């Protein structure tokens, strides 16, 4: 299983101006970190560029945490992600 969490955290930190230590795997991007819809669009564009993927606008609702972004990136890259306990 490919894990992109560190790279995703780095992008969130850069886009949101948030200390990387505050960004946990299950941290809610909007509620806990205050990322708004404009930040979500910036993050989507950054993810597309970083991972060479295309994210449909309707998939923006899946942007809730680092883990959900990891699953989305892995899915779009064709890499199976197994659930962790």
Protein backbone atom coordinates (compact mmCIF):
# COMPACT_ATOMS: atom_id res chain seq x y z
CA UNK A 1 0.00 0.00 0.00
CA UNK A 2 1.29 3.42 -0.94
CA UNK A 3 1.05 6.06 1.77
CA UNK A 4 1.05 9.69 0.65
CA UNK A 5 0.15 11.18 4.06
CA UNK A 6 3.45 13.03 4.61
CA UNK A 7 3.32 14.64 1.19
CA UNK A 8 -0.34 15.57 1.65
CA UNK A 9 0.38 17.07 5.09
CA UNK A 10 3.14 19.16 3.55
CA UNK A 11 0.78 20.51 0.88
CA UNK A 12 -1.90 21.33 3.47
CA UNK A 13 0.68 23.09 5.63
CA UNK A 14 1.92 25.19 2.71
CA UNK A 15 -1.53 26.09 1.37
CA UNK A 16 -3.17 26.74 4.73
CA UNK A 17 -0.20 28.30 6.48
CA UNK A 18 -0.61 25.70 9.22
CA UNK A 19 2.18 24.16 11.28
CA UNK A 20 2.65 20.62 10.03
CA UNK A 21 2.60 19.30 13.62
CA UNK A 22 -1.08 20.33 13.88
CA UNK A 23 -2.07 18.14 10.93
CA UNK A 24 -2.83 14.58 12.01
CA UNK A 25 -4.05 11.79 9.79
CA UNK A 26 -7.64 12.18 11.02
CA UNK A 27 -7.63 15.95 11.54
CA UNK A 28 -10.71 17.45 9.85
CA UNK A 29 -9.51 19.97 7.30
CA UNK A 30 -12.42 22.40 7.61
CA UNK A 31 -13.48 21.99 11.23
CA UNK A 32 -10.09 21.52 12.94
CA UNK A 33 -7.85 23.51 10.58
CA UNK A 34 -10.29 26.06 9.17
CA UNK A 35 -9.61 25.34 5.49
CA UNK A 36 -12.33 26.94 3.35
CA UNK A 37 -13.61 26.14 -0.13
CA UNK A 38 -10.95 28.30 -1.79
CA UNK A 39 -8.23 26.44 0.11
CA UNK A 40 -9.84 23.15 -0.95
CA UNK A 41 -9.60 24.22 -4.59
CA UNK A 42 -5.97 25.22 -4.11
CA UNK A 43 -5.30 21.87 -2.46
CA UNK A 44 -7.03 20.02 -5.29
CA UNK A 45 -4.84 21.80 -7.85
CA UNK A 46 -1.70 21.10 -5.81
CA UNK A 47 -2.60 17.40 -5.44
CA UNK A 48 -3.24 17.13 -9.17
CA UNK A 49 0.15 18.63 -9.94
CA UNK A 50 2.08 16.73 -7.29
CA UNK A 51 0.64 13.29 -8.07
CA UNK A 52 -0.16 13.73 -11.78
CA UNK A 53 -3.86 12.94 -11.28
CA UNK A 54 -7.19 14.55 -12.23
CA UNK A 55 -9.73 15.18 -9.48
CA UNK A 56 -13.36 15.79 -10.47
CA UNK A 57 -15.07 18.70 -8.70
CA UNK A 58 -17.70 16.38 -7.24
CA UNK A 59 -14.90 14.57 -5.41
CA UNK A 60 -14.17 17.71 -3.37
CA UNK A 61 -16.58 16.47 -0.71
CA UNK A 62 -14.10 13.66 0.01
CA UNK A 63 -11.58 16.24 1.21
CA UNK A 64 -12.14 15.80 4.93
CA UNK A 65 -8.83 14.55 6.34
CA UNK A 66 -5.32 13.49 5.39
CA UNK A 67 -6.46 9.85 5.41
CA UNK A 68 -9.37 10.55 3.06
CA UNK A 69 -7.03 12.44 0.73
CA UNK A 70 -4.58 9.54 0.82
CA UNK A 71 -7.39 7.17 -0.17
CA UNK A 72 -8.48 9.49 -2.98
CA UNK A 73 -4.96 9.93 -4.36
CA UNK A 74 -4.29 6.20 -4.13
CA UNK A 75 -7.58 5.40 -5.86
CA UNK A 76 -6.87 7.84 -8.67
CA UNK A 77 -3.34 6.52 -9.10
CA UNK A 78 -4.74 2.98 -9.24
CA UNK A 79 -3.11 1.84 -6.02
CA UNK A 80 -5.19 -0.29 -3.66
CA UNK A 81 -5.54 1.08 -0.16
CA UNK A 82 -6.34 -1.32 2.61
CA UNK A 83 -8.25 -0.15 5.68
CA UNK A 84 -6.24 0.19 8.85
CA UNK A 85 -7.56 -0.28 12.35
